[in-house]
C-alpha atoms as a PDB file:
ATOM      1  CA  MET A   1       0.000   0.000   0.000  1.00  0.00           C
ATOM      2  CA  THR A   2       1.353   3.438  -0.895  1.00  0.00           C
ATOM      3  CA  GLU A   3       1.699   6.263   1.610  1.00  0.00           C
ATOM      4  CA  GLN A   4      -1.165   8.125  -0.114  1.00  0.00           C
ATOM      5  CA  GLN A   5      -3.441   5.088   0.189  1.00  0.00           C
ATOM      6  CA  GLN A   6      -2.553   4.746   3.875  1.00  0.00           C
ATOM      7  CA  LYS A   7      -3.626   8.347   4.462  1.00  0.00           C
ATOM      8  CA  LEU A   8      -6.965   7.664   2.774  1.00  0.00           C
ATOM      9  CA  THR A   9      -7.980   4.650   4.834  1.00  0.00           C
ATOM     10  CA  GLY A  10      -9.708   5.051   8.195  1.00  0.00           C
ATOM     11  CA  ASN A  11     -13.085   6.025   9.574  1.00  0.00           C
ATOM     12  CA  ARG A  12     -13.821   8.855   7.170  1.00  0.00           C
ATOM     13  CA  PRO A  13     -14.954   7.973   3.649  1.00  0.00           C
ATOM     14  CA  THR A  14     -12.479   8.608   0.865  1.00  0.00           C
ATOM     15  CA  HIS A  15     -15.059   9.197  -1.875  1.00  0.00           C
ATOM     16  CA  ARG A  16     -18.597  10.512  -2.248  1.00  0.00           C
ATOM     17  CA  ALA A  17     -21.051   8.642  -4.478  1.00  0.00           C
ATOM     18  CA  TYR A  18     -23.316  10.640  -6.796  1.00  0.00           C
ATOM     19  CA  VAL A  19     -25.863  10.061  -9.500  1.00  0.00           C
ATOM     20  CA  VAL A  20     -25.890  12.728 -12.213  1.00  0.00           C
ATOM     21  CA  LYS A  21     -29.335  13.741 -13.467  1.00  0.00           C
ATOM     22  CA  ASP A  22     -29.370  15.219 -16.974  1.00  0.00           C
ATOM     23  CA  LYS A  23     -31.185  18.509 -17.475  1.00  0.00           C
ATOM     24  CA  ALA A  24     -33.426  18.556 -20.524  1.00  0.00           C
ATOM     25  CA  GLY A  25     -32.047  20.808 -23.238  1.00  0.00           C
ATOM     26  CA  SER A  26     -28.719  21.295 -21.438  1.00  0.00           C
ATOM     27  CA  ASP A  27     -25.317  19.647 -21.464  1.00  0.00           C
ATOM     28  CA  GLN A  28     -25.073  20.179 -17.698  1.00  0.00           C
ATOM     29  CA  GLY A  29     -26.363  17.790 -15.082  1.00  0.00           C
ATOM     30  CA  ARG A  30     -27.292  17.972 -11.421  1.00  0.00           C
ATOM     31  CA  TRP A  31     -25.051  15.939  -9.072  1.00  0.00           C
ATOM     32  CA  ILE A  32     -27.048  14.264  -6.299  1.00  0.00           C
ATOM     33  CA  GLU A  33     -25.083  12.731  -3.423  1.00  0.00           C
ATOM     34  CA  ILE A  34     -26.330   9.207  -2.714  1.00  0.00           C
ATOM     35  CA  GLY A  35     -23.623   7.676  -0.525  1.00  0.00           C
ATOM     36  CA  ALA A  36     -19.954   7.264   0.291  1.00  0.00           C
ATOM     37  CA  ALA A  37     -17.045   4.887  -0.265  1.00  0.00           C
ATOM     38  CA  TRP A  38     -14.028   3.858   1.786  1.00  0.00           C
ATOM     39  CA  LEU A  39     -10.793   2.671   0.160  1.00  0.00           C
ATOM     40  CA  HIS A  40      -9.741  -0.865   1.132  1.00  0.00           C
ATOM     41  CA  LYS A  41      -6.486  -1.084   3.076  1.00  0.00           C
ATOM     42  CA  ASP A  42      -4.815  -2.882   0.163  1.00  0.00           C
ATOM     43  CA  GLY A  43      -5.863  -0.055  -2.188  1.00  0.00           C
ATOM     44  CA  LYS A  44      -7.530  -2.476  -4.620  1.00  0.00           C
ATOM     45  CA  GLY A  45     -11.185  -1.771  -3.949  1.00  0.00           C
ATOM     46  CA  PHE A  46     -13.844   0.105  -2.008  1.00  0.00           C
ATOM     47  CA  ARG A  47     -16.512  -0.487   0.612  1.00  0.00           C
ATOM     48  CA  VAL A  48     -19.574   1.433  -0.568  1.00  0.00           C
ATOM     49  CA  LYS A  49     -22.583   2.615   1.457  1.00  0.00           C
ATOM     50  CA  LEU A  50     -25.499   3.929  -0.590  1.00  0.00           C
ATOM     51  CA  ASP A  51     -28.393   5.871   0.934  1.00  0.00           C
ATOM     52  CA  ALA A  52     -30.198   5.782  -2.412  1.00  0.00           C
ATOM     53  CA  CYS A  53     -29.794   3.929  -5.678  1.00  0.00           C
ATOM     54  CA  PRO A  54     -30.775   4.984  -9.200  1.00  0.00           C
ATOM     55  CA  THR A  55     -33.612   2.851 -10.537  1.00  0.00           C
ATOM     56  CA  ASN A  56     -33.279   3.755 -14.207  1.00  0.00           C
ATOM     57  CA  GLY A  57     -29.817   2.323 -14.827  1.00  0.00           C
ATOM     58  CA  GLU A  58     -27.893   5.586 -14.452  1.00  0.00           C
ATOM     59  CA  ALA A  59     -24.234   5.289 -13.555  1.00  0.00           C
ATOM     60  CA  ILE A  60     -22.984   6.050 -10.062  1.00  0.00           C
ATOM     61  CA  GLU A  61     -20.079   8.488 -10.045  1.00  0.00           C
ATOM     62  CA  CYS A  62     -17.500   8.398  -7.221  1.00  0.00           C
ATOM     63  CA  ARG A  63     -15.344  11.442  -6.489  1.00  0.00           C
ATOM     64  CA  LEU A  64     -12.407  11.780  -4.099  1.00  0.00           C
ATOM     65  CA  ILE A  65     -13.212  13.812  -0.972  1.00  0.00           C
ATOM     66  CA  ASP A  66     -10.842  16.728  -0.294  1.00  0.00           C
ATOM     67  CA  TRP A  67     -10.550  16.335   3.502  1.00  0.00           C
ATOM     68  CA  LYS A  68      -7.729  18.929   3.695  1.00  0.00           C
ATOM     69  CA  LYS A  69     -10.104  21.542   2.302  1.00  0.00           C
ATOM     70  CA  ILE A  70     -12.937  20.478   4.623  1.00  0.00           C
ATOM     71  CA  ASP A  71     -10.687  20.383   7.708  1.00  0.00           C
ATOM     72  CA  ALA A  72      -9.510  23.900   6.856  1.00  0.00           C
ATOM     73  CA  GLY A  73     -13.125  25.124   6.936  1.00  0.00           C
ATOM     74  CA  GLY A  74     -13.822  24.905   3.226  1.00  0.00           C
ATOM     75  CA  LYS A  75     -16.585  23.060   1.430  1.00  0.00           C
ATOM     76  CA  ASP A  76     -16.083  20.006  -0.770  1.00  0.00           C
ATOM     77  CA  GLU A  77     -18.766  20.370  -3.439  1.00  0.00           C
ATOM     78  CA  ALA A  78     -19.810  18.170  -6.324  1.00  0.00           C
ATOM     79  CA  PRO A  79     -17.950  19.001  -9.536  1.00  0.00           C
ATOM     80  CA  SER A  80     -19.546  20.731 -12.447  1.00  0.00           C
ATOM     81  CA  PRO A  81     -20.147  18.451 -15.440  1.00  0.00           C
ATOM     82  CA  GLN A  82     -17.334  20.192 -17.339  1.00  0.00           C
ATOM     83  CA  GLU A  83     -14.850  19.421 -14.528  1.00  0.00           C
ATOM     84  CA  ALA A  84     -15.961  15.816 -14.143  1.00  0.00           C
ATOM     85  CA  TYR A  85     -15.500  14.575 -17.660  1.00  0.00           C
END
């Protein structure tokens, strides 16, 4: 396990899980947080907890949580569609 992976494991989730809802007539979507994921100690997988699940086959997007920003008083927000892809 790398040093970076060691820093990511623990009680706090490493990633947030989202479903992205398309807006009609727009190339932008709305990111809806539906759960969280924790990196396995070996760095080869995740434990995922979902509070909701898309029922229409939409993909679930997972994004790394910026805990340094949050711990410094900032806000870790969902990316815009242009940033994500």
